[in-house]
Protein backbone atom coordinates (compact mmCIF):
# COMPACT_ATOMS: atom_id res chain seq x y z
CA MET A 1 -7.93 7.39 -10.55
CA PRO A 2 -8.64 8.36 -7.02
CA ARG A 3 -11.62 7.85 -5.63
CA ASP A 4 -12.95 9.83 -2.30
CA GLY A 5 -8.98 10.19 -1.97
CA VAL A 6 -7.89 6.66 -2.08
CA PHE A 7 -5.99 5.49 -4.96
CA ASP A 8 -6.85 2.16 -6.22
CA GLU A 9 -3.17 2.73 -8.55
CA SER A 10 0.31 1.19 -6.86
CA GLY A 11 3.47 2.76 -6.37
CA LYS A 12 6.58 2.34 -8.33
CA ALA A 13 10.09 1.16 -6.64
CA TYR A 14 13.30 1.44 -7.73
CA ALA A 15 16.52 1.58 -6.19
CA GLU A 16 19.28 4.54 -6.87
CA GLU A 17 22.70 5.08 -5.10
CA GLY A 18 22.14 2.85 -2.66
CA GLN A 19 18.45 4.38 -1.72
CA VAL A 20 15.17 2.79 -2.57
CA MET A 21 12.38 5.59 -4.42
CA LEU A 22 8.81 5.15 -4.12
CA ASP A 23 6.90 7.31 -6.92
CA GLY A 24 3.49 6.92 -5.96
CA PRO A 25 0.03 8.21 -7.54
CA ASP A 26 -0.56 11.90 -7.29
CA GLY A 27 3.10 12.91 -7.67
CA VAL A 28 3.98 10.97 -3.99
CA ALA A 29 8.02 10.92 -3.70
CA ILE A 30 10.03 9.26 -1.33
CA SER A 31 13.33 7.51 -0.54
CA MET A 32 14.24 5.74 1.93
CA THR A 33 16.76 3.45 3.63
CA PRO A 34 16.86 -0.04 2.27
CA ASP A 35 15.59 -1.57 5.86
CA ALA A 36 13.06 1.55 6.08
CA ALA A 37 12.06 0.02 2.30
CA GLU A 38 12.01 -3.56 3.72
CA GLU A 39 9.95 -2.81 6.49
CA THR A 40 7.24 -0.86 4.82
CA GLY A 41 6.71 -3.21 2.21
CA ASN A 42 6.19 -6.07 5.02
CA GLU A 43 3.45 -3.23 6.88
CA LEU A 44 2.03 -2.65 3.42
CA ILE A 45 1.81 -6.52 3.13
CA ARG A 46 0.16 -6.94 6.70
CA ALA A 47 -2.16 -4.25 6.41
CA ALA A 48 -3.63 -5.00 2.53
CA ALA A 49 -4.27 -8.32 4.52
CA GLU A 50 -6.05 -6.80 7.19
CA ALA A 51 -8.34 -4.84 4.93
CA ARG A 52 -9.03 -7.24 2.66
CA GLN A 53 -10.54 -9.38 5.68
CA GLN A 54 -12.39 -6.15 7.13
CA ILE A 55 -14.04 -5.96 3.36
CA ASP A 56 -14.93 -9.52 3.65
CA ASP A 57 -16.34 -9.37 7.08
CA SER A 58 -18.26 -6.31 5.98
CA ALA A 59 -19.98 -8.45 3.19
CA ARG A 60 -20.64 -11.02 5.09
CA GLY A 61 -22.32 -9.38 7.97
CA ALA A 62 -24.38 -7.69 5.04
CA HIS A 63 -25.43 -11.18 3.42
CA GLY A 64 -25.59 -13.41 6.57
CA PRO A 65 -23.34 -16.42 6.96
């Protein structure tokens, strides 16, 4: 369920006819080459780690060291 336009559920990926299909929340659907999908996956993992760090930094700033 979205909160302020941010979804907390993951998309589902599958391979079909040599393409990677991604079905996301709210009807988002895209297809990518395997190379594009792999790079997108890496970018999502990197960005998720960065976002988690931002949350941790914010929580530490609000509650002290």
